[in-house]
Amino acid sequence: MGATPANATRLRCNRRSSSSGDSAAKDIVIRRATRETAHVHLLSDHNRSEFLATPQLVRLDHAKGEDGRFEPSLLIKGDALVLKYLVRGVRVQFVAARVRGDRLLYGLLVFDDPAHPAMLWSVMEREQEQLAMFALAGGEPCQLFLFNEFAINVAWNDLPVNFSSSRLGSLAASAALGPADHSVLHAAVDDVIGRALGADPADPELLVVDLPVLTDWRMVNNSLVTNSAGISHLDAFDADEGRQQERVIAWLTDNLFPLVAIDQPRVHKGGKLRELTDALLSYPLGTFLFESKALSLLDRPTLPDRSTLAKNLLGHVAKAARQLKGATRQVKAGTDILDEKGNAHDIERTRPIHAIILVPDIRLLPDTFGADLMHDFMAATGGYLHLLDPSELLRIVQTTAEFVRRSESQLVTPMMAFDSRLIARAEQCAANGSLVVEIVTHFEDR
């Protein structure tokens, strides 16, 4: 198991300082998909495994269309903030570059922050990617598909760009195929970003294409039928951005099979019903409280850069820690916990409580952040304070499932493993002196 600061570059999303870029807000029209217009990209087994394992990336695919013909598709997986920047029409460039001799690295340079544009990238490995590049170089149309943290297709659009006059075809033809060690090639990405920002048209091993502002995105609404037979709707671009992030909790924790799961639990306070926190899970050995703090992007008249979002998030996290401290005290005091129908639930109250702050992207925060919040929460409540984003929560849930699968006793439940993983994470945070860490668990093949 390894732990790194969360601001350390995640696999296939790099940032580099630059004065270039434009994050001005654009007028957009979000058109809901109808039966006649809805397109959903279904990932192959290979792509799905990669998309679930990698927080952010792009892949070209030569996919079979509804008319039976194969067509190039650009698949983009990102966190909620990156996807919202794309939907709002932030400046984007397509970049392809030869690296390490004969490998072709390609991706999107996203100017969600003028000083630190991000590159979502991959290295061409498979024949389908090469065929897609040949098709683009031949002038064929391309479609973009956006995928959220759970590798679910949430939107699509047409890409009205003609690559036929570019060097994309020759770059693809001369590049090697086969598995690539992305951890090694990762070091070349910063150099590619620098070359792309310089954009020397005479560089024969580099292609940089400005993509048009895309506004007419077609949204794909998704629904989860929970294990308790409830239905949770997830629209990544709903105007109520806060509520959508809260629903992420249910989507990610449903397969943990908690004994009690309450969306927006309530308590009686001052003669009125008041929300305790955004979500609560409980099983015989522990209780988990969630407080979600989203960042609004879709309804802002001027699109902020990431440095502005980071300043906003600092205040939100401090407020969430205070809210969770109060909620934990209420649970420990034996206050009745009610669901939306007013039904009271028995929950575990004696053991240390896990209090989880869910933010859209922990990389917005400094590498050494939250030690004081963590220590204060432990001293005041005896519980654990965690800071997660959807990608990190997903990783913990995935690790939980693998621990259960590998359990020799067959007595470890998903909630037990989840509890254990969070305790291990809290210990690592204490050792690092920061709430902002990423933990990657490696399993040996049996």
Protein backbone atom coordinates (compact mmCIF):
# COMPACT_ATOMS: atom_id res chain seq x y z
CA MET A 1 0.00 0.00 0.00
CA GLY A 2 1.38 3.41 -0.91
CA ALA A 3 0.31 6.91 0.06
CA THR A 4 1.19 10.06 -1.81
CA PRO A 5 0.10 13.68 -1.47
CA ALA A 6 -3.05 14.14 -3.52
CA ASN A 7 -1.53 17.10 -5.34
CA ALA A 8 1.09 14.78 -6.74
CA THR A 9 0.05 14.38 -10.38
CA ARG A 10 -2.54 11.68 -10.85
CA LEU A 11 -2.04 9.17 -13.58
CA ARG A 12 -2.85 10.78 -16.91
CA CYS A 13 -3.71 14.26 -15.74
CA ASN A 14 -0.75 16.67 -15.71
CA ARG A 15 -0.57 20.38 -15.05
CA ARG A 16 2.15 22.81 -15.96
CA SER A 17 2.60 26.54 -15.32
CA SER A 18 1.83 28.76 -18.29
CA SER A 19 0.51 32.21 -19.00
CA SER A 20 -1.53 30.94 -21.93
CA GLY A 21 -5.20 30.12 -21.73
CA ASP A 22 -8.68 31.52 -21.53
CA SER A 23 -11.36 30.49 -19.06
CA ALA A 24 -13.96 33.08 -19.99
CA ALA A 25 -17.53 31.93 -19.67
CA LYS A 26 -19.39 31.01 -22.83
CA ASP A 27 -23.10 30.91 -23.59
CA ILE A 28 -24.25 27.32 -23.68
CA VAL A 29 -27.34 25.34 -24.54
CA ILE A 30 -27.67 22.05 -22.66
CA ARG A 31 -30.07 19.96 -24.72
CA ARG A 32 -31.56 16.93 -22.99
CA ALA A 33 -31.24 13.77 -25.02
CA THR A 34 -34.47 12.36 -26.40
CA ARG A 35 -35.01 8.86 -27.76
CA GLU A 36 -34.25 10.17 -31.22
CA THR A 37 -30.99 11.91 -30.24
CA ALA A 38 -29.63 9.85 -27.34
CA HIS A 39 -26.21 8.31 -27.95
CA VAL A 40 -24.58 6.24 -25.23
CA HIS A 41 -21.10 4.79 -25.59
CA LEU A 42 -20.78 1.36 -24.06
CA LEU A 43 -17.19 0.67 -23.03
CA SER A 44 -15.49 -2.54 -24.04
CA ASP A 45 -14.24 -4.74 -21.20
CA HIS A 46 -10.71 -3.49 -21.81
CA ASN A 47 -11.65 0.18 -21.74
CA ARG A 48 -14.00 -0.22 -18.80
CA SER A 49 -11.30 -1.79 -16.65
CA GLU A 50 -8.91 1.01 -17.50
CA PHE A 51 -11.51 3.75 -16.98
CA LEU A 52 -12.41 2.37 -13.53
CA ALA A 53 -8.75 2.15 -12.54
CA THR A 54 -7.59 5.54 -13.82
CA PRO A 55 -9.01 8.79 -12.36
CA GLN A 56 -8.63 10.85 -15.55
CA LEU A 57 -7.65 10.00 -19.12
CA VAL A 58 -8.63 10.09 -22.78
CA ARG A 59 -8.82 7.24 -25.28
CA LEU A 60 -9.54 7.19 -28.97
CA ASP A 61 -11.69 4.26 -30.03
CA HIS A 62 -12.82 2.91 -33.38
CA ALA A 63 -16.32 2.01 -32.25
CA LYS A 64 -19.25 0.44 -34.03
CA GLY A 65 -21.95 3.05 -34.66
CA GLU A 66 -25.70 2.60 -34.73
CA ASP A 67 -25.63 2.10 -38.50
CA GLY A 68 -23.13 -0.75 -38.16
CA ARG A 69 -20.16 1.25 -39.47
CA PHE A 70 -17.04 1.84 -37.40
CA GLU A 71 -16.33 5.45 -36.55
CA PRO A 72 -13.72 7.35 -34.49
CA SER A 73 -14.77 8.32 -30.98
CA LEU A 74 -12.85 10.31 -28.40
CA LEU A 75 -13.59 9.05 -24.88
CA ILE A 76 -12.86 11.48 -22.05
CA LYS A 77 -12.91 10.49 -18.40
CA GLY A 78 -12.60 13.24 -15.82
CA ASP A 79 -13.78 14.38 -12.43
CA ALA A 80 -16.90 16.51 -12.10
CA LEU A 81 -14.98 19.81 -12.29
CA VAL A 82 -13.14 18.93 -15.50
CA LEU A 83 -16.35 17.75 -17.16
CA LYS A 84 -18.17 20.93 -16.16
CA TYR A 85 -15.37 23.08 -17.55
CA LEU A 86 -15.64 21.18 -20.84
CA VAL A 87 -19.43 21.62 -20.96
CA ARG A 88 -19.06 25.34 -20.21
CA GLY A 89 -16.86 25.73 -23.29
CA VAL A 90 -13.41 26.27 -21.81
CA ARG A 91 -10.52 26.40 -24.29
CA VAL A 92 -9.29 22.92 -25.31
CA GLN A 93 -6.51 21.72 -27.61
CA PHE A 94 -5.93 18.25 -29.06
CA VAL A 95 -2.27 17.31 -28.72
CA ALA A 96 -0.31 14.37 -30.16
CA ALA A 97 3.44 13.95 -29.79
CA ARG A 98 6.08 11.33 -30.34
CA VAL A 99 7.82 10.41 -27.07
CA ARG A 100 10.55 7.96 -26.08
CA GLY A 101 11.43 7.23 -29.68
CA ASP A 102 8.47 5.46 -31.21
CA ARG A 103 5.51 5.89 -28.82
CA LEU A 104 2.66 8.31 -29.53
CA LEU A 105 1.27 10.24 -26.59
CA TYR A 106 -1.99 12.09 -27.21
CA GLY A 107 -4.66 13.89 -25.23
CA LEU A 108 -6.49 17.09 -24.48
CA LEU A 109 -4.94 20.24 -23.04
CA VAL A 110 -7.72 21.80 -20.96
CA PHE A 111 -7.33 25.44 -19.95
CA ASP A 112 -9.45 25.24 -16.83
CA ASP A 113 -6.79 27.37 -15.16
CA PRO A 114 -4.83 29.86 -17.32
CA ALA A 115 -1.70 29.46 -15.18
CA HIS A 116 -1.89 25.68 -14.92
CA PRO A 117 -3.61 24.01 -17.89
CA ALA A 118 -4.27 20.31 -17.42
CA MET A 119 -3.51 17.56 -19.90
CA LEU A 120 -5.63 14.42 -19.92
CA TRP A 121 -3.62 11.88 -21.88
CA SER A 122 -2.86 8.34 -22.91
CA VAL A 123 -0.31 6.53 -25.04
CA MET A 124 -1.51 4.79 -28.18
CA GLU A 125 -1.41 1.05 -27.48
CA ARG A 126 -4.08 -0.73 -29.49
CA GLU A 127 -4.98 -1.11 -33.15
CA GLN A 128 -8.42 0.42 -32.51
CA GLU A 129 -6.76 3.68 -31.49
CA GLN A 130 -4.55 3.70 -34.55
CA LEU A 131 -7.53 3.01 -36.83
CA ALA A 132 -9.41 5.88 -35.19
CA MET A 133 -6.48 8.21 -35.90
CA PHE A 134 -6.33 7.06 -39.51
CA ALA A 135 -10.07 7.71 -39.82
CA LEU A 136 -9.69 11.21 -38.35
CA ALA A 137 -6.77 11.91 -40.66
CA GLY A 138 -8.99 10.81 -43.53
CA GLY A 139 -11.54 13.47 -42.65
CA GLU A 140 -14.14 11.26 -40.98
CA PRO A 141 -16.37 12.87 -38.33
CA CYS A 142 -15.75 12.18 -34.66
CA GLN A 143 -17.90 12.12 -31.56
CA LEU A 144 -16.87 12.99 -28.02
CA PHE A 145 -18.16 11.03 -25.03
CA LEU A 146 -17.73 12.25 -21.46
CA PHE A 147 -17.42 9.75 -18.61
CA ASN A 148 -17.63 10.52 -14.90
CA GLU A 149 -15.61 9.08 -12.00
CA PHE A 150 -17.59 5.80 -12.19
CA ALA A 151 -16.81 5.32 -15.90
CA ILE A 152 -20.45 6.11 -16.78
CA ASN A 153 -21.20 7.99 -20.00
CA VAL A 154 -22.84 11.27 -18.95
CA ALA A 155 -22.76 13.39 -22.14
CA TRP A 156 -21.79 13.41 -25.79
CA ASN A 157 -21.22 15.82 -28.65
CA ASP A 158 -20.05 15.99 -32.25
CA LEU A 159 -16.52 17.23 -32.87
CA PRO A 160 -16.58 19.44 -35.97
CA VAL A 161 -12.84 19.35 -36.70
CA ASN A 162 -11.17 18.15 -39.89
CA PHE A 163 -7.77 16.56 -39.23
CA SER A 164 -7.19 15.64 -42.89
CA SER A 165 -4.63 18.40 -43.44
CA SER A 166 -2.70 17.58 -40.25
CA ARG A 167 0.19 15.19 -39.60
CA LEU A 168 -1.96 12.95 -37.36
CA GLY A 169 -1.98 10.08 -39.87
CA SER A 170 1.80 10.01 -40.28
CA LEU A 171 2.36 10.23 -36.52
CA ALA A 172 0.00 7.29 -35.96
CA ALA A 173 1.48 5.22 -38.80
CA SER A 174 5.05 5.50 -37.52
CA ALA A 175 4.25 4.83 -33.85
CA ALA A 176 4.62 1.52 -32.10
CA LEU A 177 1.68 -0.38 -30.63
CA GLY A 178 1.50 -2.62 -27.59
CA PRO A 179 1.26 -2.13 -23.82
CA ALA A 180 2.95 1.02 -22.54
CA ASP A 181 4.36 1.69 -19.10
CA HIS A 182 2.44 4.86 -18.32
CA SER A 183 4.31 5.34 -15.06
CA VAL A 184 7.53 5.71 -17.07
CA LEU A 185 6.05 7.77 -19.89
CA HIS A 186 4.41 10.02 -17.31
CA ALA A 187 7.71 11.88 -17.00
CA ALA A 188 7.54 12.91 -20.67
CA VAL A 189 4.17 14.63 -20.35
CA ASP A 190 5.46 17.88 -18.85
CA ASP A 191 7.81 18.22 -21.81
CA VAL A 192 4.91 17.60 -24.22
CA ILE A 193 2.83 20.28 -22.47
CA GLY A 194 5.71 22.74 -22.82
CA ARG A 195 6.09 21.92 -26.49
CA ALA A 196 2.35 22.24 -27.03
CA LEU A 197 2.23 25.65 -25.36
CA GLY A 198 5.11 26.76 -27.59
CA ALA A 199 3.34 25.21 -30.60
CA ASP A 200 6.21 25.20 -33.10
CA PRO A 201 4.51 24.37 -36.43
CA ALA A 202 7.83 23.08 -37.76
CA ASP A 203 8.08 20.36 -35.10
CA PRO A 204 7.52 17.16 -37.13
CA GLU A 205 6.83 15.10 -34.00
CA LEU A 206 4.11 17.33 -32.57
CA LEU A 207 0.49 18.09 -33.49
CA VAL A 208 -1.54 20.79 -31.72
CA VAL A 209 -5.08 21.53 -32.88
CA ASP A 210 -7.38 24.11 -31.30
CA LEU A 211 -10.79 22.54 -30.84
CA PRO A 212 -13.90 24.67 -31.39
CA VAL A 213 -16.01 25.74 -28.44
CA LEU A 214 -18.59 23.00 -27.97
CA THR A 215 -21.84 24.14 -26.38
CA ASP A 216 -24.67 21.92 -27.59
CA TRP A 217 -23.91 18.95 -25.34
CA ARG A 218 -26.45 16.12 -25.14
CA MET A 219 -26.80 14.90 -21.58
CA VAL A 220 -27.29 11.27 -20.61
CA ASN A 221 -29.32 10.80 -17.43
CA ASN A 222 -28.50 7.70 -15.37
CA SER A 223 -30.42 5.96 -12.60
CA LEU A 224 -29.31 3.49 -9.95
CA VAL A 225 -31.71 0.93 -8.50
CA THR A 226 -30.26 0.53 -5.02
CA ASN A 227 -30.05 -2.69 -3.02
CA SER A 228 -32.93 -1.39 -0.90
CA ALA A 229 -35.07 -1.11 -4.06
CA GLY A 230 -34.82 2.68 -4.13
CA ILE A 231 -33.97 4.73 -7.21
CA SER A 232 -31.19 7.32 -7.25
CA HIS A 233 -30.98 9.61 -10.30
CA LEU A 234 -27.63 11.04 -11.32
CA ASP A 235 -27.43 13.91 -13.77
CA ALA A 236 -23.85 15.19 -13.74
CA PHE A 237 -24.99 18.58 -15.06
CA ASP A 238 -28.09 19.18 -12.98
CA ALA A 239 -28.47 22.82 -11.91
CA ASP A 240 -28.54 21.62 -8.29
CA GLU A 241 -24.85 20.74 -8.26
CA GLY A 242 -24.74 20.22 -4.51
CA ARG A 243 -27.50 17.62 -4.53
CA GLN A 244 -25.88 15.77 -7.43
CA GLN A 245 -22.65 15.39 -5.49
CA GLU A 246 -24.62 14.10 -2.50
CA ARG A 247 -26.10 11.39 -4.71
CA VAL A 248 -22.60 10.24 -5.56
CA ILE A 249 -22.40 8.86 -2.01
CA ALA A 250 -25.28 6.45 -2.64
CA TRP A 251 -23.86 5.38 -6.00
CA LEU A 252 -20.47 4.55 -4.52
CA THR A 253 -21.52 2.94 -1.23
CA ASP A 254 -24.60 0.94 -2.21
CA ASN A 255 -22.65 -2.31 -2.73
CA LEU A 256 -21.19 -2.08 0.76
CA PHE A 257 -24.58 -3.35 1.99
CA PRO A 258 -24.81 -1.28 5.19
CA LEU A 259 -27.48 -2.28 7.69
CA VAL A 260 -28.70 1.33 7.75
CA ALA A 261 -28.35 3.84 4.89
CA ILE A 262 -30.12 7.18 5.22
CA ASP A 263 -30.06 9.97 2.68
CA GLN A 264 -30.20 13.34 4.47
CA PRO A 265 -30.81 11.97 8.01
CA ARG A 266 -32.81 14.25 10.29
CA VAL A 267 -33.04 15.00 14.01
CA HIS A 268 -35.46 16.92 16.20
CA LYS A 269 -33.91 20.20 17.27
CA GLY A 270 -35.70 23.22 18.73
CA GLY A 271 -39.07 21.65 18.04
CA LYS A 272 -38.28 21.22 14.35
CA LEU A 273 -36.85 18.53 12.11
CA ARG A 274 -33.38 19.53 10.97
CA GLU A 275 -30.91 17.82 8.67
CA LEU A 276 -28.14 16.10 10.62
CA THR A 277 -25.79 15.59 7.68
CA ASP A 278 -25.95 14.62 4.00
CA ALA A 279 -25.76 10.84 4.42
CA LEU A 280 -25.38 8.21 7.12
CA LEU A 281 -24.32 4.57 6.95
CA SER A 282 -24.28 2.19 9.90
CA TYR A 283 -23.62 -1.48 10.64
CA PRO A 284 -23.10 -3.35 13.93
CA LEU A 285 -19.43 -2.31 14.22
CA GLY A 286 -19.52 1.33 13.18
CA THR A 287 -21.26 4.45 11.85
CA PHE A 288 -20.23 6.75 9.00
CA LEU A 289 -21.37 10.35 8.49
CA PHE A 290 -20.95 12.16 5.16
CA GLU A 291 -20.95 15.89 4.51
CA SER A 292 -20.72 16.89 0.84
CA LYS A 293 -19.28 20.24 -0.24
CA ALA A 294 -19.71 20.91 -3.94
CA LEU A 295 -18.41 23.82 -6.01
CA SER A 296 -20.86 25.53 -8.33
CA LEU A 297 -19.72 26.05 -11.92
CA LEU A 298 -22.69 25.67 -14.24
CA ASP A 299 -24.68 28.69 -13.08
CA ARG A 300 -21.80 31.18 -12.69
CA PRO A 301 -21.89 34.08 -15.14
CA THR A 302 -18.08 34.12 -15.22
CA LEU A 303 -16.22 30.85 -15.16
CA PRO A 304 -13.67 30.84 -12.30
CA ASP A 305 -10.23 29.31 -12.62
CA ARG A 306 -9.06 26.54 -10.33
CA SER A 307 -7.18 28.88 -7.98
CA THR A 308 -10.46 30.65 -7.22
CA LEU A 309 -12.19 27.31 -6.62
CA ALA A 310 -9.38 26.30 -4.27
CA LYS A 311 -9.95 29.40 -2.12
CA ASN A 312 -13.68 28.68 -2.03
CA LEU A 313 -13.09 25.08 -1.04
CA LEU A 314 -10.93 25.93 1.97
CA GLY A 315 -13.86 27.66 3.66
CA HIS A 316 -16.27 24.87 2.73
CA VAL A 317 -14.06 22.19 4.28
CA ALA A 318 -13.70 24.09 7.55
CA LYS A 319 -17.49 24.48 7.73
CA ALA A 320 -18.02 20.77 6.97
CA ALA A 321 -15.66 19.78 9.78
CA ARG A 322 -17.69 21.88 12.23
CA GLN A 323 -20.95 20.38 10.97
CA LEU A 324 -19.65 16.84 11.31
CA LYS A 325 -18.36 17.53 14.80
CA GLY A 326 -21.85 18.63 15.83
CA ALA A 327 -23.47 15.66 14.07
CA THR A 328 -21.11 13.22 15.77
CA ARG A 329 -21.96 14.66 19.17
CA GLN A 330 -25.67 14.23 18.44
CA VAL A 331 -25.16 10.59 17.49
CA LYS A 332 -23.09 9.95 20.61
CA ALA A 333 -25.75 11.65 22.76
CA GLY A 334 -28.35 9.13 21.61
CA THR A 335 -30.45 11.55 19.57
CA ASP A 336 -33.09 9.80 17.44
CA ILE A 337 -31.97 9.57 13.80
CA LEU A 338 -34.86 9.81 11.33
CA ASP A 339 -35.19 9.21 7.61
CA GLU A 340 -37.19 11.35 5.18
CA LYS A 341 -40.41 9.56 6.20
CA GLY A 342 -39.84 10.24 9.88
CA ASN A 343 -38.89 6.67 10.75
CA ALA A 344 -36.29 6.28 13.50
CA HIS A 345 -33.34 3.93 12.96
CA ASP A 346 -31.11 2.05 15.35
CA ILE A 347 -27.47 2.81 14.61
CA GLU A 348 -24.13 1.96 16.23
CA ARG A 349 -23.11 4.72 18.65
CA THR A 350 -20.37 3.32 20.89
CA ARG A 351 -17.43 3.03 18.52
CA PRO A 352 -15.38 5.89 16.98
CA ILE A 353 -17.38 7.47 14.17
CA HIS A 354 -16.00 8.00 10.68
CA ALA A 355 -16.82 11.55 9.53
CA ILE A 356 -16.23 12.00 5.80
CA ILE A 357 -16.04 15.31 3.95
CA LEU A 358 -16.68 14.75 0.23
CA VAL A 359 -15.26 17.43 -2.08
CA PRO A 360 -15.16 17.48 -5.90
CA ASP A 361 -11.35 17.33 -6.16
CA ILE A 362 -8.89 17.06 -3.24
CA ARG A 363 -6.08 18.24 -5.55
CA LEU A 364 -7.47 21.76 -5.15
CA LEU A 365 -6.13 21.76 -1.61
CA PRO A 366 -2.49 22.06 -0.46
CA ASP A 367 -0.49 18.88 0.05
CA THR A 368 -0.16 19.60 3.78
CA PHE A 369 -3.68 20.53 4.78
CA GLY A 370 -6.06 19.63 7.56
CA ALA A 371 -3.81 18.31 10.34
CA ASP A 372 -5.34 20.78 12.79
CA LEU A 373 -8.88 19.80 11.71
CA MET A 374 -8.06 16.12 12.08
CA HIS A 375 -6.55 16.48 15.56
CA ASP A 376 -9.32 18.82 16.75
CA PHE A 377 -12.02 16.42 15.56
CA MET A 378 -10.37 13.43 17.25
CA ALA A 379 -9.94 15.36 20.52
CA ALA A 380 -13.54 16.61 20.50
CA THR A 381 -15.34 13.44 19.42
CA GLY A 382 -12.95 10.49 19.56
CA GLY A 383 -13.74 9.84 15.91
CA TYR A 384 -11.93 9.91 12.56
CA LEU A 385 -12.14 12.82 10.12
CA HIS A 386 -11.57 12.03 6.44
CA LEU A 387 -11.32 14.19 3.33
CA LEU A 388 -12.21 12.40 0.08
CA ASP A 389 -13.29 13.18 -3.45
CA PRO A 390 -15.36 10.78 -5.58
CA SER A 391 -12.29 9.23 -7.22
CA GLU A 392 -10.64 8.51 -3.88
CA LEU A 393 -13.90 7.18 -2.40
CA LEU A 394 -14.29 4.91 -5.43
CA ARG A 395 -10.74 3.63 -4.99
CA ILE A 396 -11.44 2.76 -1.34
CA VAL A 397 -14.67 0.96 -2.29
CA GLN A 398 -12.84 -0.98 -5.03
CA THR A 399 -10.12 -1.97 -2.58
CA THR A 400 -12.80 -3.00 -0.10
CA ALA A 401 -14.36 -5.35 -2.65
CA GLU A 402 -10.99 -6.93 -3.38
CA PHE A 403 -10.28 -7.46 0.31
CA VAL A 404 -13.62 -9.23 0.70
CA ARG A 405 -12.97 -11.37 -2.36
CA ARG A 406 -9.56 -12.42 -1.05
CA SER A 407 -10.72 -13.08 2.51
CA GLU A 408 -9.83 -16.63 3.45
CA SER A 409 -12.29 -16.79 6.35
CA GLN A 410 -15.22 -15.61 4.20
CA LEU A 411 -16.41 -13.74 7.30
CA VAL A 412 -15.25 -10.26 6.26
CA THR A 413 -18.19 -8.16 5.08
CA PRO A 414 -17.91 -5.15 2.75
CA MET A 415 -18.68 -2.78 5.63
CA MET A 416 -15.96 -4.38 7.79
CA ALA A 417 -13.41 -3.97 5.01
CA PHE A 418 -14.55 -0.39 4.34
CA ASP A 419 -14.19 0.39 8.05
CA SER A 420 -10.72 -1.13 8.09
CA ARG A 421 -9.58 0.76 5.00
CA LEU A 422 -10.71 4.09 6.46
CA ILE A 423 -8.88 3.41 9.73
CA ALA A 424 -5.71 2.61 7.77
CA ARG A 425 -6.19 5.81 5.79
CA ALA A 426 -6.63 7.85 8.98
CA GLU A 427 -3.40 6.41 10.34
CA GLN A 428 -1.59 7.35 7.14
CA CYS A 429 -3.03 10.87 7.27
CA ALA A 430 -1.79 11.23 10.85
CA ALA A 431 1.67 10.03 9.80
CA ASN A 432 1.73 12.48 6.86
CA GLY A 433 0.30 15.35 8.91
CA SER A 434 -2.30 15.99 6.21
CA LEU A 435 -5.84 15.01 5.23
CA VAL A 436 -4.86 15.35 1.57
CA VAL A 437 -3.42 11.99 0.57
CA GLU A 438 -4.09 9.33 -2.01
CA ILE A 439 -3.71 5.69 -1.00
CA VAL A 440 -3.10 3.06 -3.65
CA THR A 441 -3.25 -0.59 -2.60
CA HIS A 442 -1.41 -3.17 -4.69
CA PHE A 443 -2.45 -6.82 -4.53
CA GLU A 444 -0.21 -9.70 -5.43
CA ASP A 445 -1.68 -12.18 -7.89
CA ARG A 446 -2.38 -15.54 -6.36
